[in-house]
Amino acid sequence: MANDFRPLPEGPVLCEACIKAGQEVEMHPHADLPPDAAKHAERENTELQSYRCPECESLEIFRVD
């Protein structure tokens, strides 16, 4: 997992994997962070939010500013 998470975009969060496949799918907030992301958030004292794609099930983690 990357140590530097990109900021949560304003507006809908679109799935990068689906965009590459030619679809525009909006991701939905997901309650759980992967363990390594949760450790990073605690260590860096930052808020992270995970989003899951309903189409391909990919998970992306964003920094909440």
Protein backbone atom coordinates (compact mmCIF):
# COMPACT_ATOMS: atom_id res chain seq x y z
CA MET A 1 0.00 0.00 0.00
CA ALA A 2 1.27 3.45 -0.85
CA ASN A 3 2.46 5.65 1.97
CA ASP A 4 1.05 8.78 0.38
CA PHE A 5 -2.67 8.68 -0.29
CA ARG A 6 -4.18 11.12 -2.76
CA PRO A 7 -6.83 13.54 -1.49
CA LEU A 8 -10.49 12.56 -1.61
CA PRO A 9 -11.88 14.19 -4.77
CA GLU A 10 -14.81 16.57 -4.61
CA GLY A 11 -17.85 15.07 -6.27
CA PRO A 12 -18.24 11.44 -7.24
CA VAL A 13 -15.34 9.02 -6.83
CA LEU A 14 -14.89 7.15 -10.11
CA CYS A 15 -13.21 3.75 -10.36
CA GLU A 16 -9.89 4.07 -12.21
CA ALA A 17 -9.88 0.36 -13.16
CA CYS A 18 -13.33 0.60 -14.75
CA ILE A 19 -12.43 3.85 -16.55
CA LYS A 20 -9.48 2.04 -18.15
CA ALA A 21 -11.93 -0.66 -19.27
CA GLY A 22 -14.19 1.96 -20.86
CA GLN A 23 -16.84 2.25 -18.13
CA GLU A 24 -17.60 5.14 -15.79
CA VAL A 25 -18.54 3.57 -12.46
CA GLU A 26 -19.02 5.54 -9.26
CA MET A 27 -17.41 4.02 -6.19
CA HIS A 28 -19.18 3.86 -2.82
CA PRO A 29 -17.77 4.59 0.64
CA HIS A 30 -16.62 1.43 2.37
CA ALA A 31 -16.60 1.22 6.17
CA ASP A 32 -13.38 -0.72 6.67
CA LEU A 33 -9.81 0.26 5.93
CA PRO A 34 -7.27 -2.45 5.10
CA PRO A 35 -5.00 -3.09 8.13
CA ASP A 36 -1.94 -1.41 6.58
CA ALA A 37 -3.96 1.72 5.73
CA ALA A 38 -5.40 1.84 9.25
CA LYS A 39 -1.86 1.62 10.69
CA HIS A 40 -0.71 4.39 8.35
CA ALA A 41 -3.63 6.63 9.40
CA GLU A 42 -2.83 6.11 13.07
CA ARG A 43 0.91 6.58 12.62
CA GLU A 44 0.51 9.75 10.53
CA ASN A 45 -2.47 11.06 12.52
CA THR A 46 -4.54 11.46 9.34
CA GLU A 47 -8.03 10.46 8.31
CA LEU A 48 -8.38 7.97 5.48
CA GLN A 49 -11.56 6.80 3.70
CA SER A 50 -11.89 3.68 1.61
CA TYR A 51 -14.13 3.39 -1.45
CA ARG A 52 -15.19 0.15 -3.15
CA CYS A 53 -16.33 -0.26 -6.74
CA PRO A 54 -19.67 -2.09 -7.02
CA GLU A 55 -18.73 -3.31 -10.50
CA CYS A 56 -15.19 -4.73 -10.16
CA GLU A 57 -14.84 -4.71 -6.34
CA SER A 58 -11.58 -2.73 -6.45
CA LEU A 59 -10.76 -0.71 -3.36
CA GLU A 60 -9.16 2.73 -3.27
CA ILE A 61 -8.03 4.66 -0.21
CA PHE A 62 -8.11 8.45 -0.04
CA ARG A 63 -6.83 11.03 2.42
CA VAL A 64 -9.62 13.18 3.86
CA ASP A 65 -8.46 16.80 4.04
